[in-house]
Amino acid sequence: MAKTAVLNVRIDPKVKAEAEKLYSQFGITVTDAINMFLYQSINEGGLPFELKKHIPNSETLSAMRESEEIAKNGGRFDNVDEMFKEMGI
């Protein structure tokens, strides 16, 4: 089957260079790797890897709990979400 479609992708030049270096160790190009990704996506009927939600680490969770305690004890915010909202996060 002849390859006739063109896919243009914008990517950070550093990421491209690192990927080229990595894939060259396997004797393939970035184009080969992208084709492999697309074929495997089709075979899997979706992404060929699991997506995971970021779970805050223990330090972040501790800071969130501390700020909630401050809020409960008459702090400026009723909860962390309000604080983040005011901060624009």
PDB file of N, CA and C in Angstrom:
ATOM      1  N   MET A   1       0.854  -1.166   0.000  1.00  0.00           N
ATOM      2  CA  MET A   1       0.000   0.000   0.000  1.00  0.00           C
ATOM      3  C   MET A   1       0.903   1.232   0.000  1.00  0.00           C
ATOM      4  N   ALA A   2       0.690   2.103  -0.942  1.00  0.00           N
ATOM      5  CA  ALA A   2       1.503   3.313  -1.056  1.00  0.00           C
ATOM      6  C   ALA A   2       1.078   4.337  -0.025  1.00  0.00           C
ATOM      7  N   LYS A   3       2.070   5.015   0.515  1.00  0.00           N
ATOM      8  CA  LYS A   3       1.778   6.082   1.469  1.00  0.00           C
ATOM      9  C   LYS A   3       1.534   7.353   0.675  1.00  0.00           C
ATOM     10  N   THR A   4       0.301   7.873   0.767  1.00  0.00           N
ATOM     11  CA  THR A   4      -0.027   9.065  -0.002  1.00  0.00           C
ATOM     12  C   THR A   4      -0.494  10.219   0.860  1.00  0.00           C
ATOM     13  N   ALA A   5      -0.879   9.965   2.086  1.00  0.00           N
ATOM     14  CA  ALA A   5      -1.366  11.031   2.956  1.00  0.00           C
ATOM     15  C   ALA A   5      -0.189  11.683   3.681  1.00  0.00           C
ATOM     16  N   VAL A   6      -0.308  12.980   3.885  1.00  0.00           N
ATOM     17  CA  VAL A   6       0.718  13.727   4.610  1.00  0.00           C
ATOM     18  C   VAL A   6       0.119  14.224   5.914  1.00  0.00           C
ATOM     19  N   LEU A   7       0.857  14.057   6.982  1.00  0.00           N
ATOM     20  CA  LEU A   7       0.436  14.505   8.299  1.00  0.00           C
ATOM     21  C   LEU A   7       1.453  15.527   8.782  1.00  0.00           C
ATOM     22  N   ASN A   8       1.013  16.756   8.984  1.00  0.00           N
ATOM     23  CA  ASN A   8       1.898  17.798   9.505  1.00  0.00           C
ATOM     24  C   ASN A   8       1.670  17.923  10.998  1.00  0.00           C
ATOM     25  N   VAL A   9       2.741  17.882  11.754  1.00  0.00           N
ATOM     26  CA  VAL A   9       2.654  17.938  13.211  1.00  0.00           C
ATOM     27  C   VAL A   9       3.604  19.013  13.716  1.00  0.00           C
ATOM     28  N   ARG A  10       3.108  19.874  14.591  1.00  0.00           N
ATOM     29  CA  ARG A  10       3.970  20.868  15.233  1.00  0.00           C
ATOM     30  C   ARG A  10       4.400  20.305  16.580  1.00  0.00           C
ATOM     31  N   ILE A  11       5.694  20.345  16.820  1.00  0.00           N
ATOM     32  CA  ILE A  11       6.229  19.788  18.061  1.00  0.00           C
ATOM     33  C   ILE A  11       7.474  20.569  18.458  1.00  0.00           C
ATOM     34  N   ASP A  12       7.745  20.594  19.728  1.00  0.00           N
ATOM     35  CA  ASP A  12       8.939  21.251  20.249  1.00  0.00           C
ATOM     36  C   ASP A  12      10.168  20.625  19.583  1.00  0.00           C
ATOM     37  N   PRO A  13      11.056  21.438  19.018  1.00  0.00           N
ATOM     38  CA  PRO A  13      12.250  20.900  18.344  1.00  0.00           C
ATOM     39  C   PRO A  13      13.103  19.996  19.232  1.00  0.00           C
ATOM     40  N   LYS A  14      13.171  20.302  20.528  1.00  0.00           N
ATOM     41  CA  LYS A  14      13.951  19.461  21.445  1.00  0.00           C
ATOM     42  C   LYS A  14      13.332  18.080  21.588  1.00  0.00           C
ATOM     43  N   VAL A  15      12.001  18.044  21.662  1.00  0.00           N
ATOM     44  CA  VAL A  15      11.297  16.760  21.769  1.00  0.00           C
ATOM     45  C   VAL A  15      11.531  15.943  20.504  1.00  0.00           C
ATOM     46  N   LYS A  16      11.449  16.601  19.354  1.00  0.00           N
ATOM     47  CA  LYS A  16      11.675  15.904  18.078  1.00  0.00           C
ATOM     48  C   LYS A  16      13.078  15.315  18.027  1.00  0.00           C
ATOM     49  N   ALA A  17      14.061  16.102  18.421  1.00  0.00           N
ATOM     50  CA  ALA A  17      15.444  15.635  18.390  1.00  0.00           C
ATOM     51  C   ALA A  17      15.657  14.450  19.331  1.00  0.00           C
ATOM     52  N   GLU A  18      15.066  14.536  20.533  1.00  0.00           N
ATOM     53  CA  GLU A  18      15.188  13.431  21.485  1.00  0.00           C
ATOM     54  C   GLU A  18      14.510  12.174  20.962  1.00  0.00           C
ATOM     55  N   ALA A  19      13.340  12.348  20.341  1.00  0.00           N
ATOM     56  CA  ALA A  19      12.622  11.195  19.782  1.00  0.00           C
ATOM     57  C   ALA A  19      13.427  10.574  18.642  1.00  0.00           C
ATOM     58  N   GLU A  20      13.994  11.412  17.776  1.00  0.00           N
ATOM     59  CA  GLU A  20      14.809  10.900  16.664  1.00  0.00           C
ATOM     60  C   GLU A  20      15.989  10.095  17.201  1.00  0.00           C
ATOM     61  N   LYS A  21      16.630  10.610  18.236  1.00  0.00           N
ATOM     62  CA  LYS A  21      17.773   9.913  18.839  1.00  0.00           C
ATOM     63  C   LYS A  21      17.331   8.572  19.419  1.00  0.00           C
ATOM     64  N   LEU A  22      16.217   8.588  20.135  1.00  0.00           N
ATOM     65  CA  LEU A  22      15.699   7.365  20.741  1.00  0.00           C
ATOM     66  C   LEU A  22      15.348   6.324  19.678  1.00  0.00           C
ATOM     67  N   TYR A  23      14.540   6.730  18.701  1.00  0.00           N
ATOM     68  CA  TYR A  23      14.072   5.782  17.701  1.00  0.00           C
ATOM     69  C   TYR A  23      15.189   5.279  16.799  1.00  0.00           C
ATOM     70  N   SER A  24      16.224   6.094  16.598  1.00  0.00           N
ATOM     71  CA  SER A  24      17.339   5.641  15.763  1.00  0.00           C
ATOM     72  C   SER A  24      18.038   4.441  16.398  1.00  0.00           C
ATOM     73  N   GLN A  25      17.965   4.338  17.715  1.00  0.00           N
ATOM     74  CA  GLN A  25      18.552   3.184  18.402  1.00  0.00           C
ATOM     75  C   GLN A  25      17.820   1.897  18.057  1.00  0.00           C
ATOM     76  N   PHE A  26      16.577   2.035  17.611  1.00  0.00           N
ATOM     77  CA  PHE A  26      15.784   0.873  17.194  1.00  0.00           C
ATOM     78  C   PHE A  26      15.801   0.694  15.681  1.00  0.00           C
ATOM     79  N   GLY A  27      16.496   1.601  14.999  1.00  0.00           N
ATOM     80  CA  GLY A  27      16.574   1.523  13.541  1.00  0.00           C
ATOM     81  C   GLY A  27      15.323   2.018  12.846  1.00  0.00           C
ATOM     82  N   ILE A  28      14.552   2.878  13.515  1.00  0.00           N
ATOM     83  CA  ILE A  28      13.345   3.423  12.898  1.00  0.00           C
ATOM     84  C   ILE A  28      13.373   4.947  12.968  1.00  0.00           C
ATOM     85  N   THR A  29      12.538   5.558  12.167  1.00  0.00           N
ATOM     86  CA  THR A  29      12.411   7.006  12.137  1.00  0.00           C
ATOM     87  C   THR A  29      11.213   7.440  12.978  1.00  0.00           C
ATOM     88  N   VAL A  30      11.098   8.734  13.190  1.00  0.00           N
ATOM     89  CA  VAL A  30       9.924   9.268  13.875  1.00  0.00           C
ATOM     90  C   VAL A  30       8.674   8.937  13.059  1.00  0.00           C
ATOM     91  N   THR A  31       8.772   9.041  11.749  1.00  0.00           N
ATOM     92  CA  THR A  31       7.644   8.691  10.883  1.00  0.00           C
ATOM     93  C   THR A  31       7.232   7.239  11.097  1.00  0.00           C
ATOM     94  N   ASP A  32       8.229   6.329  11.163  1.00  0.00           N
ATOM     95  CA  ASP A  32       7.923   4.919  11.433  1.00  0.00           C
ATOM     96  C   ASP A  32       7.206   4.764  12.778  1.00  0.00           C
ATOM     97  N   ALA A  33       7.702   5.479  13.795  1.00  0.00           N
ATOM     98  CA  ALA A  33       7.115   5.388  15.128  1.00  0.00           C
ATOM     99  C   ALA A  33       5.680   5.904  15.133  1.00  0.00           C
ATOM    100  N   ILE A  34       5.433   6.997  14.431  1.00  0.00           N
ATOM    101  CA  ILE A  34       4.071   7.541  14.351  1.00  0.00           C
ATOM    102  C   ILE A  34       3.150   6.560  13.651  1.00  0.00           C
ATOM    103  N   ASN A  35       3.629   5.957  12.559  1.00  0.00           N
ATOM    104  CA  ASN A  35       2.823   4.948  11.868  1.00  0.00           C
ATOM    105  C   ASN A  35       2.526   3.771  12.785  1.00  0.00           C
ATOM    106  N   MET A  36       3.511   3.337  13.560  1.00  0.00           N
ATOM    107  CA  MET A  36       3.300   2.232  14.492  1.00  0.00           C
ATOM    108  C   MET A  36       2.243   2.617  15.535  1.00  0.00           C
ATOM    109  N   PHE A  37       2.341   3.844  16.042  1.00  0.00           N
ATOM    110  CA  PHE A  37       1.359   4.332  17.011  1.00  0.00           C
ATOM    111  C   PHE A  37      -0.047   4.314  16.420  1.00  0.00           C
ATOM    112  N   LEU A  38      -0.192   4.816  15.195  1.00  0.00           N
ATOM    113  CA  LEU A  38      -1.516   4.869  14.569  1.00  0.00           C
ATOM    114  C   LEU A  38      -2.072   3.480  14.298  1.00  0.00           C
ATOM    115  N   TYR A  39      -1.238   2.570  13.772  1.00  0.00           N
ATOM    116  CA  TYR A  39      -1.698   1.204  13.529  1.00  0.00           C
ATOM    117  C   TYR A  39      -2.103   0.519  14.834  1.00  0.00           C
ATOM    118  N   GLN A  40      -1.314   0.713  15.885  1.00  0.00           N
ATOM    119  CA  GLN A  40      -1.642   0.086  17.158  1.00  0.00           C
ATOM    120  C   GLN A  40      -2.909   0.685  17.761  1.00  0.00           C
ATOM    121  N   SER A  41      -3.124   1.992  17.568  1.00  0.00           N
ATOM    122  CA  SER A  41      -4.358   2.618  18.025  1.00  0.00           C
ATOM    123  C   SER A  41      -5.564   1.976  17.357  1.00  0.00           C
ATOM    124  N   ILE A  42      -5.442   1.740  16.055  1.00  0.00           N
ATOM    125  CA  ILE A  42      -6.528   1.084  15.310  1.00  0.00           C
ATOM    126  C   ILE A  42      -6.741  -0.329  15.832  1.00  0.00           C
ATOM    127  N   ASN A  43      -5.646  -1.073  16.049  1.00  0.00           N
ATOM    128  CA  ASN A  43      -5.759  -2.446  16.557  1.00  0.00           C
ATOM    129  C   ASN A  43      -6.407  -2.486  17.937  1.00  0.00           C
ATOM    130  N   GLU A  44      -6.081  -1.514  18.784  1.00  0.00           N
ATOM    131  CA  GLU A  44      -6.609  -1.462  20.140  1.00  0.00           C
ATOM    132  C   GLU A  44      -8.023  -0.880  20.189  1.00  0.00           C
ATOM    133  N   GLY A  45      -8.402  -0.142  19.156  1.00  0.00           N
ATOM    134  CA  GLY A  45      -9.683   0.543  19.177  1.00  0.00           C
ATOM    135  C   GLY A  45      -9.638   1.769  20.080  1.00  0.00           C
ATOM    136  N   GLY A  46      -8.482   2.338  20.234  1.00  0.00           N
ATOM    137  CA  GLY A  46      -8.289   3.517  21.092  1.00  0.00           C
ATOM    138  C   GLY A  46      -6.806   3.749  21.286  1.00  0.00           C
ATOM    139  N   LEU A  47      -6.479   4.532  22.283  1.00  0.00           N
ATOM    140  CA  LEU A  47      -5.063   4.780  22.560  1.00  0.00           C
ATOM    141  C   LEU A  47      -4.386   3.481  22.990  1.00  0.00           C
ATOM    142  N   PRO A  48      -3.159   3.252  22.527  1.00  0.00           N
ATOM    143  CA  PRO A  48      -2.477   1.988  22.864  1.00  0.00           C
ATOM    144  C   PRO A  48      -1.778   2.018  24.219  1.00  0.00           C
ATOM    145  N   PHE A  49      -2.229   2.901  25.095  1.00  0.00           N
ATOM    146  CA  PHE A  49      -1.700   2.967  26.449  1.00  0.00           C
ATOM    147  C   PHE A  49      -2.782   3.535  27.345  1.00  0.00           C
ATOM    148  N   GLU A  50      -2.613   3.325  28.642  1.00  0.00           N
ATOM    149  CA  GLU A  50      -3.610   3.779  29.608  1.00  0.00           C
ATOM    150  C   GLU A  50      -3.374   5.242  29.980  1.00  0.00           C
ATOM    151  N   LEU A  51      -4.442   6.011  29.985  1.00  0.00           N
ATOM    152  CA  LEU A  51      -4.355   7.388  30.464  1.00  0.00           C
ATOM    153  C   LEU A  51      -4.596   7.382  31.960  1.00  0.00           C
ATOM    154  N   LYS A  52      -3.791   8.148  32.669  1.00  0.00           N
ATOM    155  CA  LYS A  52      -3.931   8.206  34.117  1.00  0.00           C
ATOM    156  C   LYS A  52      -4.156   9.636  34.542  1.00  0.00           C
ATOM    157  N   LYS A  53      -5.009   9.792  35.516  1.00  0.00           N
ATOM    158  CA  LYS A  53      -5.260  11.106  36.082  1.00  0.00           C
ATOM    159  C   LYS A  53      -4.137  11.418  37.062  1.00  0.00           C
ATOM    160  N   HIS A  54      -3.672  12.665  37.034  1.00  0.00           N
ATOM    161  CA  HIS A  54      -2.621  13.061  37.970  1.00  0.00           C
ATOM    162  C   HIS A  54      -3.176  13.050  39.382  1.00  0.00           C
ATOM    163  N   ILE A  55      -2.492  12.350  40.234  1.00  0.00           N
ATOM    164  CA  ILE A  55      -2.879  12.287  41.641  1.00  0.00           C
ATOM    165  C   ILE A  55      -1.840  13.077  42.419  1.00  0.00           C
ATOM    166  N   PRO A  56      -2.278  14.067  43.198  1.00  0.00           N
ATOM    167  CA  PRO A  56      -1.320  14.883  43.950  1.00  0.00           C
ATOM    168  C   PRO A  56      -0.468  14.030  44.884  1.00  0.00           C
ATOM    169  N   ASN A  57       0.798  14.416  45.028  1.00  0.00           N
ATOM    170  CA  ASN A  57       1.669  13.683  45.952  1.00  0.00           C
ATOM    171  C   ASN A  57       1.318  14.042  47.393  1.00  0.00           C
ATOM    172  N   SER A  58       1.960  13.376  48.347  1.00  0.00           N
ATOM    173  CA  SER A  58       1.602  13.561  49.757  1.00  0.00           C
ATOM    174  C   SER A  58       1.855  14.992  50.228  1.00  0.00           C
ATOM    175  N   GLU A  59       2.888  15.644  49.721  1.00  0.00           N
ATOM    176  CA  GLU A  59       3.171  17.027  50.121  1.00  0.00           C
ATOM    177  C   GLU A  59       2.060  17.962  49.654  1.00  0.00           C
ATOM    178  N   THR A  60       1.605  17.772  48.427  1.00  0.00           N
ATOM    179  CA  THR A  60       0.521  18.607  47.899  1.00  0.00           C
ATOM    180  C   THR A  60      -0.771  18.354  48.655  1.00  0.00           C
ATOM    181  N   LEU A  61      -1.068  17.077  48.919  1.00  0.00           N
ATOM    182  CA  LEU A  61      -2.278  16.746  49.678  1.00  0.00           C
ATOM    183  C   LEU A  61      -2.241  17.365  51.070  1.00  0.00           C
ATOM    184  N   SER A  62      -1.078  17.328  51.689  1.00  0.00           N
ATOM    185  CA  SER A  62      -0.931  17.921  53.016  1.00  0.00           C
ATOM    186  C   SER A  62      -1.188  19.425  52.975  1.00  0.00           C
ATOM    187  N   ALA A  63      -0.659  20.097  51.978  1.00  0.00           N
ATOM    188  CA  ALA A  63      -0.867  21.542  51.836  1.00  0.00           C
ATOM    189  C   ALA A  63      -2.334  21.850  51.587  1.00  0.00           C
ATOM    190  N   MET A  64      -3.005  21.010  50.813  1.00  0.00           N
ATOM    191  CA  MET A  64      -4.429  21.216  50.542  1.00  0.00           C
ATOM    192  C   MET A  64      -5.238  21.049  51.824  1.00  0.00           C
ATOM    193  N   ARG A  65      -4.909  20.023  52.598  1.00  0.00           N
ATOM    194  CA  ARG A  65      -5.623  19.802  53.868  1.00  0.00           C
ATOM    195  C   ARG A  65      -5.383  20.955  54.834  1.00  0.00           C
ATOM    196  N   GLU A  66      -4.141  21.425  54.896  1.00  0.00           N
ATOM    197  CA  GLU A  66      -3.813  22.539  55.777  1.00  0.00           C
ATOM    198  C   GLU A  66      -4.602  23.784  55.405  1.00  0.00           C
ATOM    199  N   SER A  67      -4.700  24.073  54.120  1.00  0.00           N
ATOM    200  CA  SER A  67      -5.445  25.260  53.696  1.00  0.00           C
ATOM    201  C   SER A  67      -6.935  25.103  53.976  1.00  0.00           C
ATOM    202  N   GLU A  68      -7.461  23.876  53.880  1.00  0.00           N
ATOM    203  CA  GLU A  68      -8.865  23.647  54.220  1.00  0.00           C
ATOM    204  C   GLU A  68      -9.106  23.866  55.710  1.00  0.00           C
ATOM    205  N   GLU A  69      -8.144  23.445  56.531  1.00  0.00           N
ATOM    206  CA  GLU A  69      -8.263  23.668  57.973  1.00  0.00           C
ATOM    207  C   GLU A  69      -8.252  25.164  58.294  1.00  0.00           C
ATOM    208  N   ILE A  70      -7.387  25.897  57.624  1.00  0.00           N
ATOM    209  CA  ILE A  70      -7.340  27.350  57.819  1.00  0.00           C
ATOM    210  C   ILE A  70      -8.682  27.965  57.455  1.00  0.00           C
ATOM    211  N   ALA A  71      -9.243  27.499  56.366  1.00  0.00           N
ATOM    212  CA  ALA A  71     -10.536  28.016  55.924  1.00  0.00           C
ATOM    213  C   ALA A  71     -11.636  27.693  56.934  1.00  0.00           C
ATOM    214  N   LYS A  72     -11.611  26.480  57.475  1.00  0.00           N
ATOM    215  CA  LYS A  72     -12.623  26.084  58.454  1.00  0.00           C
ATOM    216  C   LYS A  72     -12.527  26.899  59.736  1.00  0.00           C
ATOM    217  N   ASN A  73     -11.351  27.353  60.052  1.00  0.00           N
ATOM    218  CA  ASN A  73     -11.132  28.097  61.294  1.00  0.00           C
ATOM    219  C   ASN A  73     -11.177  29.601  61.067  1.00  0.00           C
ATOM    220  N   GLY A  74     -12.070  30.035  60.211  1.00  0.00           N
ATOM    221  CA  GLY A  74     -12.258  31.462  60.005  1.00  0.00           C
ATOM    222  C   GLY A  74     -11.330  32.089  58.997  1.00  0.00           C
ATOM    223  N   GLY A  75     -10.733  31.282  58.171  1.00  0.00           N
ATOM    224  CA  GLY A  75      -9.855  31.822  57.138  1.00  0.00           C
ATOM    225  C   GLY A  75     -10.638  32.581  56.084  1.00  0.00           C
ATOM    226  N   ARG A  76      -9.931  33.102  55.151  1.00  0.00           N
ATOM    227  CA  ARG A  76     -10.528  33.943  54.116  1.00  0.00           C
ATOM    228  C   ARG A  76     -11.408  33.163  53.142  1.00  0.00           C
ATOM    229  N   PHE A  77     -11.105  31.882  52.958  1.00  0.00           N
ATOM    230  CA  PHE A  77     -11.829  31.065  51.985  1.00  0.00           C
ATOM    231  C   PHE A  77     -12.558  29.934  52.696  1.00  0.00           C
ATOM    232  N   ASP A  78     -13.667  29.514  52.103  1.00  0.00           N
ATOM    233  CA  ASP A  78     -14.414  28.395  52.679  1.00  0.00           C
ATOM    234  C   ASP A  78     -13.815  27.052  52.305  1.00  0.00           C
ATOM    235  N   ASN A  79     -13.107  27.003  51.158  1.00  0.00           N
ATOM    236  CA  ASN A  79     -12.468  25.753  50.731  1.00  0.00           C
ATOM    237  C   ASN A  79     -11.341  26.052  49.743  1.00  0.00           C
ATOM    238  N   VAL A  80     -10.595  25.042  49.425  1.00  0.00           N
ATOM    239  CA  VAL A  80      -9.442  25.182  48.534  1.00  0.00           C
ATOM    240  C   VAL A  80      -9.868  25.659  47.150  1.00  0.00           C
ATOM    241  N   ASP A  81     -10.996  25.177  46.663  1.00  0.00           N
ATOM    242  CA  ASP A  81     -11.464  25.574  45.335  1.00  0.00           C
ATOM    243  C   ASP A  81     -11.660  27.081  45.238  1.00  0.00           C
ATOM    244  N   GLU A  82     -12.220  27.689  46.294  1.00  0.00           N
ATOM    245  CA  GLU A  82     -12.407  29.147  46.289  1.00  0.00           C
ATOM    246  C   GLU A  82     -11.059  29.870  46.231  1.00  0.00           C
ATOM    247  N   MET A  83     -10.106  29.363  46.986  1.00  0.00           N
ATOM    248  CA  MET A  83      -8.780  29.977  47.005  1.00  0.00           C
ATOM    249  C   MET A  83      -8.148  29.893  45.622  1.00  0.00           C
ATOM    250  N   PHE A  84      -8.196  28.714  45.017  1.00  0.00           N
ATOM    251  CA  PHE A  84      -7.619  28.539  43.689  1.00  0.00           C
ATOM    252  C   PHE A  84      -8.330  29.415  42.673  1.00  0.00           C
ATOM    253  N   LYS A  85      -9.654  29.531  42.802  1.00  0.00           N
ATOM    254  CA  LYS A  85     -10.415  30.348  41.867  1.00  0.00           C
ATOM    255  C   LYS A  85      -9.949  31.798  41.922  1.00  0.00           C
ATOM    256  N   GLU A  86      -9.780  32.325  43.136  1.00  0.00           N
ATOM    257  CA  GLU A  86      -9.305  33.699  43.270  1.00  0.00           C
ATOM    258  C   GLU A  86      -7.888  33.864  42.720  1.00  0.00           C
ATOM    259  N   MET A  87      -7.083  32.810  42.854  1.00  0.00           N
ATOM    260  CA  MET A  87      -5.715  32.859  42.347  1.00  0.00           C
ATOM    261  C   MET A  87      -5.665  32.689  40.823  1.00  0.00           C
ATOM    262  N   GLY A  88      -6.801  32.318  40.225  1.00  0.00           N
ATOM    263  CA  GLY A  88      -6.831  32.116  38.782  1.00  0.00           C
ATOM    264  C   GLY A  88      -6.292  30.774  38.342  1.00  0.00           C
ATOM    265  N   ILE A  89      -6.327  29.822  39.252  1.00  0.00           N
ATOM    266  CA  ILE A  89      -5.799  28.482  38.940  1.00  0.00           C
ATOM    267  C   ILE A  89      -6.949  27.534  38.679  1.00  0.00           C
TER     268      ILE A  89
END
